[in-house]
Amino acid sequence: MKLPIEAVLVLVAYVVAITAFGTWMGRRGRSVQQYFLAGRTVPWWAITACIVATETSTLTFIGAPGMAYMGNWTFLQLVFGYVVGRLLVSLLLIPAYFKGELFTSYELLQRRFGTPVRTTSASIFLAYRTLGDGIRLHAAALVLSVAAGIPEWWCILGLGAAMILYTEEGGVAATIWTDTVQMFVYIAGALVCVVAVIAALPDGVGGAMQAASAAGKLQVFDFAFDMSKPFTFWAGLLGGVFLTLATHGTDHYLVQRLLVARSQREASLALSLSGFIVFAQFVLFLFLGTLFWSFYGGRPFGRGDEVLPTFVSTELPGVWMGFILAAIVAAALSPSLNSMASTTVKDFYVPLFNPRASEAQQLRVGRVSTVFWGLLQIGVAVLAQNVDSALSEGLAALGYASGPVVGAFLLGILTTSASSRGTMLGMIAGLVASLFFAKLAPLMLGWTAVAWTWNVAIGTVATLAVGITASALMKDPPAPQPA
């Protein structure tokens, strides 16, 4: 299809405005602390909005309604785990991050275990962020490409260039404040869809929900203990907790959002509150998918992801179509580039190559790194047009490494006996365990593969068990004494 001119104008105006806004908001980032931590002056409410926007992608915006359309509401069980996981991060990890002047989450591992554990964890972060956010960019560009009838790679280049421009110029402040705006934009977009579909329902909301309930579309809980099913109560609660420990507690992409807070208390408040907002957000998206099911009479779609774009392109006027596409862009443009740049500078460049680097040198490397990682993500997005499944498998394999990283952080925080060598062995065991139960056991032994929601939990538990045992047997050598 081809977008109406008014939809094109709304979409282009939004991309230009958010790019200009991000660049302007970060104009004062002239020191390393300002560029990577916004001077630690961001209020808690902006951090809350930023966290919510950061974890919401185009895949969420179109995928959650699709899950409700094709299935039911059992996905919500995972969000219960997200809420509990945030409370544990606030209790266990945030206090450790606010002891001293940390720029990245992996500096905490340096203090406890030294360089090998730190660089391993930071390398994993850079690898899966490049793949994950490249696929995220591809998903947003694909929606725009289908709606506008233009080549996808044009959309990738346009969105990628905007993302690089305001992040490189404005630093983390640009990311924080643009994410804050974009959360409200995509929530407003979802509400526009809700209002539009309600107006078109012949039997109203009550009739739609009654029919959905009779068809089993509103089921939330599944108490079966079946580790091959991704959305059960146990996979949702336990798996969601460990996933959140990984994404919000150790992954520097989101930890950076906490480090910009004025205080430990405000960081904990922002993170805890974000869990309840995310819960309400998913209820909204699932509710929207149920309304779509009633509107279309349950007609089959090839994929659930097609439902929302189909409704937007066929049922909304041009201006509102442009607004919804802007909301999809808002869900996609939450760049990890500044967090990747800070990891490059603080976890690799300074400690390994130039310990005496000046502020100017660190800023220069940070800006170059922003562009470098942005170009890599654009490259992944372009490749994902043709090799989506291979990239997804690569991303999943790197996701298995999240459990070992969480395990390393917990060994450092919860124990005093864990050694660097024992922790490294634990991380290797955690990676092997995750891959074994998800991939190798089904191939070698014919076992049923565990669902992806368990991967982080399995890797974490294996890392802890082996790390504690190996540390008892393998003490670190004493640090060399200064001459």
Protein backbone atom coordinates (compact mmCIF):
# COMPACT_ATOMS: atom_id res chain seq x y z
CA MET A 1 0.00 0.00 0.00
CA LYS A 2 0.97 3.63 -0.24
CA LEU A 3 0.63 5.99 2.71
CA PRO A 4 -1.67 9.02 2.36
CA ILE A 5 0.29 12.25 2.22
CA GLU A 6 -1.02 13.39 5.62
CA ALA A 7 0.28 10.16 7.22
CA VAL A 8 3.70 10.71 5.63
CA LEU A 9 3.81 14.29 6.93
CA VAL A 10 2.92 13.23 10.48
CA LEU A 11 5.53 10.45 10.47
CA VAL A 12 8.33 12.56 9.02
CA ALA A 13 7.51 15.45 11.36
CA TYR A 14 7.74 13.13 14.35
CA VAL A 15 11.12 11.65 13.38
CA VAL A 16 12.56 15.12 12.70
CA ALA A 17 11.10 16.55 15.92
CA ILE A 18 12.31 13.74 18.19
CA THR A 19 15.78 13.90 16.65
CA ALA A 20 15.97 17.68 17.16
CA PHE A 21 14.57 17.35 20.69
CA GLY A 22 17.11 14.70 21.67
CA THR A 23 20.00 16.71 20.28
CA TRP A 24 18.82 19.85 22.10
CA MET A 25 18.27 18.08 25.44
CA GLY A 26 21.79 16.69 25.43
CA ARG A 27 23.50 19.89 24.36
CA ARG A 28 25.18 20.37 27.76
CA GLY A 29 26.87 16.94 27.84
CA ARG A 30 30.43 18.20 27.64
CA SER A 31 32.07 16.09 30.39
CA VAL A 32 32.42 12.31 30.62
CA GLN A 33 29.98 12.15 33.54
CA GLN A 34 27.44 14.33 31.72
CA TYR A 35 27.81 12.39 28.47
CA PHE A 36 27.44 8.94 30.06
CA LEU A 37 25.48 9.69 33.28
CA ALA A 38 23.73 13.03 32.60
CA GLY A 39 25.48 14.47 35.66
CA ARG A 40 23.32 12.15 37.85
CA THR A 41 20.55 14.76 37.81
CA VAL A 42 17.63 12.92 36.14
CA PRO A 43 14.41 12.83 38.24
CA TRP A 44 12.86 9.49 39.16
CA TRP A 45 9.72 9.96 37.05
CA ALA A 46 11.74 10.46 33.87
CA ILE A 47 13.80 7.35 34.68
CA THR A 48 10.58 5.38 35.17
CA ALA A 49 9.27 6.45 31.76
CA CYS A 50 12.65 5.76 30.17
CA ILE A 51 12.84 2.23 31.63
CA VAL A 52 9.36 1.41 30.34
CA ALA A 53 10.17 2.80 26.89
CA THR A 54 13.54 1.05 26.81
CA GLU A 55 12.05 -2.41 27.30
CA THR A 56 9.16 -1.79 24.87
CA SER A 57 9.97 -2.42 21.23
CA THR A 58 8.06 -2.60 17.98
CA LEU A 59 7.88 -6.34 18.59
CA THR A 60 6.00 -5.62 21.84
CA PHE A 61 3.72 -3.00 20.30
CA ILE A 62 2.50 -5.29 17.54
CA GLY A 63 3.34 -8.65 19.15
CA ALA A 64 1.38 -8.45 22.42
CA PRO A 65 -1.96 -7.73 20.69
CA GLY A 66 -1.12 -10.53 18.27
CA MET A 67 -0.60 -12.98 21.16
CA ALA A 68 -4.00 -12.14 22.61
CA TYR A 69 -5.60 -12.45 19.16
CA MET A 70 -4.06 -15.84 18.42
CA GLY A 71 -4.18 -17.18 21.98
CA ASN A 72 -5.08 -15.76 25.37
CA TRP A 73 -3.66 -13.65 28.22
CA THR A 74 -1.26 -16.20 29.76
CA PHE A 75 1.67 -13.98 28.73
CA LEU A 76 0.66 -11.79 31.68
CA GLN A 77 2.10 -14.42 34.05
CA LEU A 78 5.56 -13.45 32.84
CA VAL A 79 4.87 -9.83 33.76
CA PHE A 80 4.17 -10.90 37.37
CA GLY A 81 7.76 -12.12 37.41
CA TYR A 82 8.92 -8.82 35.95
CA VAL A 83 7.38 -6.95 38.88
CA VAL A 84 8.91 -9.23 41.53
CA GLY A 85 12.27 -9.19 39.75
CA ARG A 86 12.42 -5.40 39.90
CA LEU A 87 11.89 -5.46 43.65
CA LEU A 88 14.79 -7.92 44.01
CA VAL A 89 17.04 -5.72 41.84
CA SER A 90 16.17 -2.76 44.06
CA LEU A 91 17.04 -4.80 47.14
CA LEU A 92 20.18 -6.62 45.98
CA LEU A 93 21.88 -4.76 43.14
CA ILE A 94 21.04 -1.07 43.22
CA PRO A 95 22.71 -0.52 46.65
CA ALA A 96 25.93 -2.00 45.24
CA TYR A 97 25.80 0.26 42.18
CA PHE A 98 25.59 3.38 44.32
CA LYS A 99 28.70 2.58 46.37
CA GLY A 100 31.33 4.72 44.71
CA GLU A 101 31.37 6.30 41.25
CA LEU A 102 30.44 3.56 38.81
CA PHE A 103 29.94 4.33 35.13
CA THR A 104 28.97 0.80 34.05
CA SER A 105 27.50 -2.23 35.77
CA TYR A 106 30.56 -4.31 34.88
CA GLU A 107 32.86 -2.15 37.01
CA LEU A 108 31.20 -3.85 39.96
CA LEU A 109 32.58 -7.18 38.73
CA GLN A 110 36.03 -5.62 38.37
CA ARG A 111 36.03 -4.67 42.06
CA ARG A 112 35.08 -8.17 43.12
CA PHE A 113 36.68 -10.51 40.59
CA GLY A 114 39.09 -8.55 38.42
CA THR A 115 39.45 -8.06 34.70
CA PRO A 116 38.56 -11.50 33.18
CA VAL A 117 35.02 -11.68 34.61
CA ARG A 118 34.41 -8.01 33.83
CA THR A 119 35.56 -8.12 30.21
CA THR A 120 33.72 -11.40 29.55
CA SER A 121 30.44 -9.96 30.81
CA ALA A 122 30.94 -6.65 28.98
CA SER A 123 31.76 -8.48 25.74
CA ILE A 124 28.56 -10.53 26.00
CA PHE A 125 26.62 -7.30 26.49
CA LEU A 126 28.11 -5.64 23.39
CA ALA A 127 27.50 -8.73 21.25
CA TYR A 128 23.87 -9.36 22.09
CA ARG A 129 22.97 -5.67 22.13
CA THR A 130 24.33 -5.33 18.60
CA LEU A 131 22.25 -8.28 17.41
CA GLY A 132 19.17 -7.58 19.49
CA ASP A 133 18.84 -3.90 18.69
CA GLY A 134 19.68 -4.49 15.04
CA ILE A 135 16.72 -6.89 14.84
CA ARG A 136 14.62 -4.35 16.73
CA LEU A 137 15.50 -1.71 14.12
CA HIS A 138 14.66 -4.17 11.34
CA ALA A 139 11.22 -4.83 12.86
CA ALA A 140 10.34 -1.12 12.97
CA ALA A 141 11.64 -0.53 9.45
CA LEU A 142 9.67 -3.53 8.15
CA VAL A 143 6.39 -2.10 9.47
CA LEU A 144 7.12 1.28 7.89
CA SER A 145 8.21 -0.34 4.65
CA VAL A 146 5.01 -2.37 4.33
CA ALA A 147 2.83 0.63 5.22
CA ALA A 148 4.60 3.11 2.97
CA GLY A 149 5.41 0.79 0.08
CA ILE A 150 9.09 1.77 -0.01
CA PRO A 151 12.20 -0.41 0.27
CA GLU A 152 12.93 -1.52 3.81
CA TRP A 153 16.59 -0.54 3.68
CA TRP A 154 15.60 3.11 3.16
CA CYS A 155 13.60 2.94 6.38
CA ILE A 156 16.51 1.26 8.16
CA LEU A 157 18.92 3.97 7.07
CA GLY A 158 16.53 6.79 7.99
CA LEU A 159 15.70 5.49 11.46
CA GLY A 160 19.30 4.42 12.10
CA ALA A 161 20.68 7.81 11.09
CA ALA A 162 18.24 9.63 13.40
CA MET A 163 19.17 7.32 16.27
CA ILE A 164 22.91 7.84 15.76
CA LEU A 165 22.59 11.60 15.32
CA TYR A 166 20.86 12.51 18.55
CA THR A 167 22.69 9.88 20.64
CA GLU A 168 26.14 10.88 19.41
CA GLU A 169 25.43 14.56 19.89
CA GLY A 170 23.38 14.47 23.08
CA GLY A 171 24.72 11.49 25.02
CA VAL A 172 22.64 9.68 27.61
CA ALA A 173 20.56 12.78 28.38
CA ALA A 174 19.22 12.72 24.83
CA THR A 175 18.29 9.05 25.22
CA ILE A 176 16.60 9.54 28.60
CA TRP A 177 14.43 12.48 27.58
CA THR A 178 13.50 11.20 24.13
CA ASP A 179 12.49 7.88 25.69
CA THR A 180 10.33 9.77 28.18
CA VAL A 181 8.49 11.50 25.34
CA GLN A 182 8.27 8.33 23.27
CA MET A 183 6.64 6.31 26.05
CA PHE A 184 3.71 8.73 26.06
CA VAL A 185 3.59 8.70 22.25
CA TYR A 186 3.29 4.93 21.85
CA ILE A 187 0.84 4.60 24.77
CA ALA A 188 -1.28 7.30 23.11
CA GLY A 189 -1.02 5.34 19.85
CA ALA A 190 -2.31 2.20 21.54
CA LEU A 191 -5.21 4.18 23.05
CA VAL A 192 -6.10 5.58 19.61
CA CYS A 193 -6.38 2.00 18.35
CA VAL A 194 -8.51 1.01 21.35
CA VAL A 195 -10.93 3.89 20.79
CA ALA A 196 -11.13 3.18 17.04
CA VAL A 197 -11.84 -0.53 17.40
CA ILE A 198 -14.38 0.02 20.19
CA ALA A 199 -16.27 2.44 17.94
CA ALA A 200 -16.43 -0.24 15.26
CA LEU A 201 -17.59 -3.13 17.46
CA PRO A 202 -21.27 -3.99 16.77
CA ASP A 203 -21.88 -5.35 20.29
CA GLY A 204 -19.61 -2.94 22.17
CA VAL A 205 -16.87 -3.81 24.66
CA GLY A 206 -19.20 -5.86 26.85
CA GLY A 207 -20.26 -8.12 24.01
CA ALA A 208 -16.68 -8.50 22.79
CA MET A 209 -15.32 -9.48 26.22
CA GLN A 210 -18.22 -11.85 26.87
CA ALA A 211 -17.56 -13.67 23.60
CA ALA A 212 -13.82 -13.74 24.30
CA SER A 213 -14.40 -15.19 27.76
CA ALA A 214 -16.66 -17.92 26.36
CA ALA A 215 -13.94 -18.81 23.84
CA GLY A 216 -11.25 -19.03 26.55
CA LYS A 217 -9.43 -15.95 25.23
CA LEU A 218 -9.18 -14.29 28.65
CA GLN A 219 -7.34 -17.09 30.45
CA VAL A 220 -4.48 -15.65 32.55
CA PHE A 221 -3.24 -18.52 34.72
CA ASP A 222 -1.85 -21.90 33.76
CA PHE A 223 -0.55 -23.80 36.81
CA ALA A 224 0.81 -26.78 34.86
CA PHE A 225 4.43 -27.54 35.76
CA ASP A 226 5.58 -28.13 32.20
CA MET A 227 8.99 -26.61 31.46
CA SER A 228 8.41 -26.90 27.72
CA LYS A 229 5.59 -24.31 27.87
CA PRO A 230 6.80 -20.68 27.96
CA PHE A 231 3.73 -19.17 29.63
CA THR A 232 2.81 -21.03 32.78
CA PHE A 233 2.55 -19.56 36.26
CA TRP A 234 5.88 -21.07 37.29
CA ALA A 235 7.74 -20.12 34.11
CA GLY A 236 6.23 -16.65 34.34
CA LEU A 237 7.01 -16.03 38.00
CA LEU A 238 10.41 -17.73 38.32
CA GLY A 239 11.52 -17.22 34.74
CA GLY A 240 10.32 -13.61 34.77
CA VAL A 241 12.27 -12.90 37.96
CA PHE A 242 15.53 -14.20 36.52
CA LEU A 243 14.93 -12.49 33.17
CA THR A 244 14.48 -9.21 35.02
CA LEU A 245 17.62 -9.77 37.09
CA ALA A 246 19.41 -10.10 33.75
CA THR A 247 17.81 -7.23 31.84
CA HIS A 248 17.30 -4.69 34.64
CA GLY A 249 19.91 -5.76 37.16
CA THR A 250 23.06 -6.58 35.19
CA ASP A 251 22.60 -5.50 31.54
CA HIS A 252 24.21 -2.06 31.30
CA TYR A 253 21.58 -0.93 28.78
CA LEU A 254 19.05 -0.60 31.61
CA VAL A 255 21.46 -0.27 34.52
CA GLN A 256 22.71 2.96 32.94
CA ARG A 257 19.16 4.32 33.28
CA LEU A 258 19.43 3.71 37.03
CA LEU A 259 22.91 5.21 37.41
CA VAL A 260 21.70 8.61 36.14
CA ALA A 261 19.40 8.97 39.17
CA ARG A 262 19.98 11.59 41.84
CA SER A 263 20.19 8.96 44.57
CA GLN A 264 19.88 5.26 45.31
CA ARG A 265 16.40 5.85 46.70
CA GLU A 266 15.18 7.53 43.50
CA ALA A 267 16.69 4.76 41.35
CA SER A 268 14.89 2.10 43.41
CA LEU A 269 11.62 4.05 43.26
CA ALA A 270 11.86 4.50 39.50
CA LEU A 271 12.61 0.83 38.86
CA SER A 272 9.91 -0.51 41.19
CA LEU A 273 7.25 1.81 39.78
CA SER A 274 8.17 0.87 36.22
CA GLY A 275 7.12 -2.71 36.93
CA PHE A 276 3.55 -1.72 37.71
CA ILE A 277 3.40 0.57 34.67
CA VAL A 278 4.68 -2.22 32.43
CA PHE A 279 2.02 -4.51 33.89
CA ALA A 280 -0.72 -1.97 33.05
CA GLN A 281 0.80 -1.47 29.60
CA PHE A 282 0.64 -5.19 28.79
CA VAL A 283 -2.95 -5.36 30.02
CA LEU A 284 -3.71 -2.55 27.55
CA PHE A 285 -1.96 -4.33 24.65
CA LEU A 286 -3.63 -7.69 25.41
CA PHE A 287 -7.01 -5.99 25.77
CA LEU A 288 -6.46 -4.41 22.35
CA GLY A 289 -5.70 -7.81 20.83
CA THR A 290 -8.90 -9.25 22.30
CA LEU A 291 -10.91 -6.40 20.81
CA PHE A 292 -9.29 -7.07 17.43
CA TRP A 293 -10.34 -10.74 17.75
CA SER A 294 -13.93 -9.66 18.22
CA PHE A 295 -13.75 -7.06 15.42
CA TYR A 296 -12.41 -9.55 12.87
CA GLY A 297 -14.58 -12.40 14.14
CA GLY A 298 -11.50 -14.50 14.84
CA ARG A 299 -10.57 -14.66 11.17
CA PRO A 300 -7.20 -16.37 10.61
CA PHE A 301 -4.02 -14.36 10.08
CA GLY A 302 -0.71 -15.80 8.99
CA ARG A 303 0.98 -14.35 12.09
CA GLY A 304 -0.30 -12.48 15.10
CA ASP A 305 2.08 -9.61 14.24
CA GLU A 306 -0.07 -8.83 11.19
CA VAL A 307 -3.23 -7.97 13.11
CA LEU A 308 -2.47 -4.45 14.37
CA PRO A 309 -0.77 -3.24 11.14
CA THR A 310 -3.73 -4.57 9.14
CA PHE A 311 -6.23 -2.67 11.29
CA VAL A 312 -4.18 0.54 11.15
CA SER A 313 -3.74 0.42 7.38
CA THR A 314 -7.36 -0.39 6.54
CA GLU A 315 -9.49 1.19 9.26
CA LEU A 316 -7.82 4.48 10.33
CA PRO A 317 -7.78 7.84 8.52
CA GLY A 318 -4.49 9.12 7.15
CA VAL A 319 -3.53 11.43 10.02
CA TRP A 320 -4.19 8.76 12.65
CA MET A 321 -2.39 6.19 10.53
CA GLY A 322 0.66 8.46 10.57
CA PHE A 323 0.34 8.88 14.33
CA ILE A 324 0.24 5.10 14.92
CA LEU A 325 3.28 4.63 12.71
CA ALA A 326 5.00 7.35 14.71
CA ALA A 327 4.09 5.38 17.85
CA ILE A 328 5.68 2.27 16.32
CA VAL A 329 8.80 4.31 15.60
CA ALA A 330 8.71 5.58 19.20
CA ALA A 331 8.69 2.00 20.45
CA ALA A 332 11.73 1.24 18.29
CA LEU A 333 13.88 4.31 18.86
CA SER A 334 15.19 3.61 22.35
CA PRO A 335 18.85 3.32 21.43
CA SER A 336 21.42 1.37 23.42
CA LEU A 337 24.24 3.23 21.68
CA ASN A 338 25.29 5.43 24.60
CA SER A 339 25.36 2.51 27.03
CA MET A 340 27.45 0.55 24.52
CA ALA A 341 29.77 3.53 24.12
CA SER A 342 30.21 3.90 27.89
CA THR A 343 31.04 0.19 28.15
CA THR A 344 33.55 0.55 25.31
CA VAL A 345 35.24 3.49 27.04
CA LYS A 346 35.04 2.43 30.70
CA ASP A 347 35.36 -1.36 30.43
CA PHE A 348 37.83 -1.63 27.56
CA TYR A 349 39.53 1.58 26.37
CA VAL A 350 40.52 3.10 29.72
CA PRO A 351 41.44 0.00 31.78
CA LEU A 352 43.06 -1.99 28.97
CA PHE A 353 44.55 0.55 26.57
CA ASN A 354 44.84 4.02 28.08
CA PRO A 355 44.49 4.18 31.89
CA ARG A 356 45.52 7.85 31.89
CA ALA A 357 43.06 8.94 29.20
CA SER A 358 41.94 12.53 29.55
CA GLU A 359 38.29 13.64 29.58
CA ALA A 360 38.66 14.85 25.99
CA GLN A 361 40.09 11.51 24.86
CA GLN A 362 37.33 9.54 26.58
CA LEU A 363 34.64 11.73 25.05
CA ARG A 364 36.19 11.37 21.61
CA VAL A 365 36.29 7.58 21.90
CA GLY A 366 32.73 7.62 23.28
CA ARG A 367 31.41 9.59 20.31
CA VAL A 368 33.25 7.43 17.77
CA SER A 369 31.99 4.30 19.53
CA THR A 370 28.42 5.58 19.34
CA VAL A 371 28.68 5.91 15.56
CA PHE A 372 30.50 2.57 15.25
CA TRP A 373 27.89 0.57 17.19
CA GLY A 374 25.09 2.41 15.41
CA LEU A 375 26.48 1.43 12.02
CA LEU A 376 26.84 -2.17 13.17
CA GLN A 377 23.20 -2.23 14.28
CA ILE A 378 22.16 -0.82 10.91
CA GLY A 379 24.18 -3.60 9.27
CA VAL A 380 22.43 -6.26 11.36
CA ALA A 381 19.05 -4.75 10.46
CA VAL A 382 19.91 -4.88 6.74
CA LEU A 383 21.06 -8.51 7.01
CA ALA A 384 17.96 -9.43 9.00
CA GLN A 385 15.85 -8.75 5.90
CA ASN A 386 17.07 -12.03 4.43
CA VAL A 387 18.46 -14.17 7.28
CA ASP A 388 16.01 -13.46 10.07
CA SER A 389 15.99 -16.99 11.46
CA ALA A 390 19.78 -17.28 11.60
CA LEU A 391 20.08 -13.97 13.40
CA SER A 392 17.35 -14.95 15.82
CA GLU A 393 19.19 -18.17 16.62
CA GLY A 394 22.40 -16.21 17.13
CA LEU A 395 20.59 -13.81 19.42
CA ALA A 396 19.07 -16.71 21.36
CA ALA A 397 22.51 -18.29 21.80
CA LEU A 398 23.86 -15.06 23.23
CA GLY A 399 20.77 -14.83 25.41
CA TYR A 400 21.84 -18.09 27.05
CA ALA A 401 24.87 -16.20 28.34
CA SER A 402 22.64 -13.85 30.37
CA GLY A 403 22.24 -16.48 33.09
CA PRO A 404 25.99 -16.82 33.67
CA VAL A 405 26.32 -13.02 33.91
CA VAL A 406 23.52 -12.85 36.50
CA GLY A 407 25.20 -15.70 38.36
CA ALA A 408 28.52 -13.81 38.41
CA PHE A 409 26.85 -10.70 39.86
CA LEU A 410 25.06 -12.74 42.53
CA LEU A 411 28.30 -14.55 43.46
CA GLY A 412 29.97 -11.19 43.87
CA ILE A 413 27.21 -9.64 45.95
CA LEU A 414 25.88 -12.55 48.01
CA THR A 415 29.12 -14.39 48.81
CA THR A 416 32.53 -13.47 50.15
CA SER A 417 34.21 -16.74 49.22
CA ALA A 418 33.69 -16.78 45.44
CA SER A 419 36.98 -16.47 43.55
CA SER A 420 37.64 -15.12 40.09
CA ARG A 421 38.68 -18.51 38.71
CA GLY A 422 35.75 -20.27 40.38
CA THR A 423 33.35 -17.67 38.98
CA MET A 424 34.71 -18.05 35.46
CA LEU A 425 34.25 -21.83 35.67
CA GLY A 426 30.75 -21.24 37.00
CA MET A 427 29.94 -18.97 34.04
CA ILE A 428 31.15 -21.61 31.59
CA ALA A 429 29.02 -24.23 33.37
CA GLY A 430 26.01 -21.89 33.29
CA LEU A 431 26.35 -21.38 29.53
CA VAL A 432 26.71 -25.12 28.93
CA ALA A 433 23.69 -25.90 31.13
CA SER A 434 21.48 -23.37 29.31
CA LEU A 435 22.48 -24.67 25.90
CA PHE A 436 22.18 -28.29 27.02
CA PHE A 437 18.58 -28.13 28.22
CA ALA A 438 17.40 -25.87 25.40
CA LYS A 439 19.31 -27.30 22.42
CA LEU A 440 21.61 -30.26 23.03
CA ALA A 441 19.42 -32.55 25.13
CA PRO A 442 16.59 -32.58 22.56
CA LEU A 443 19.07 -33.44 19.79
CA MET A 444 21.26 -35.92 21.68
CA LEU A 445 18.82 -37.52 24.13
CA GLY A 446 15.41 -36.84 22.61
CA TRP A 447 14.31 -34.80 25.62
CA THR A 448 11.73 -32.07 25.25
CA ALA A 449 13.43 -28.67 25.08
CA VAL A 450 12.82 -26.30 27.96
CA ALA A 451 10.98 -23.09 27.07
CA TRP A 452 13.00 -19.93 26.54
CA THR A 453 11.57 -18.39 29.72
CA TRP A 454 13.68 -20.83 31.79
CA ASN A 455 17.04 -20.20 30.08
CA VAL A 456 18.29 -17.42 32.36
CA ALA A 457 17.18 -19.25 35.51
CA ILE A 458 18.99 -22.44 34.48
CA GLY A 459 22.18 -20.56 33.61
CA THR A 460 22.11 -18.58 36.84
CA VAL A 461 21.56 -21.58 39.11
CA ALA A 462 24.29 -23.60 37.37
CA THR A 463 26.71 -20.67 37.62
CA LEU A 464 26.02 -20.27 41.33
CA ALA A 465 26.35 -23.98 42.10
CA VAL A 466 29.55 -24.56 40.14
CA GLY A 467 31.00 -21.15 41.08
CA ILE A 468 30.62 -21.76 44.80
CA THR A 469 32.00 -25.32 44.55
CA ALA A 470 34.92 -24.39 42.29
CA SER A 471 35.79 -21.36 44.43
CA ALA A 472 36.12 -23.63 47.48
CA LEU A 473 38.63 -25.76 45.56
CA MET A 474 40.40 -23.03 43.54
CA LYS A 475 41.51 -19.94 45.40
CA ASP A 476 42.80 -16.95 43.48
CA PRO A 477 46.55 -16.38 43.66
CA PRO A 478 47.57 -13.54 45.96
CA ALA A 479 47.81 -10.12 44.33
CA PRO A 480 51.39 -9.10 43.51
CA GLN A 481 52.93 -6.83 46.09
CA PRO A 482 54.18 -3.42 44.90
CA ALA A 483 57.94 -3.20 44.59
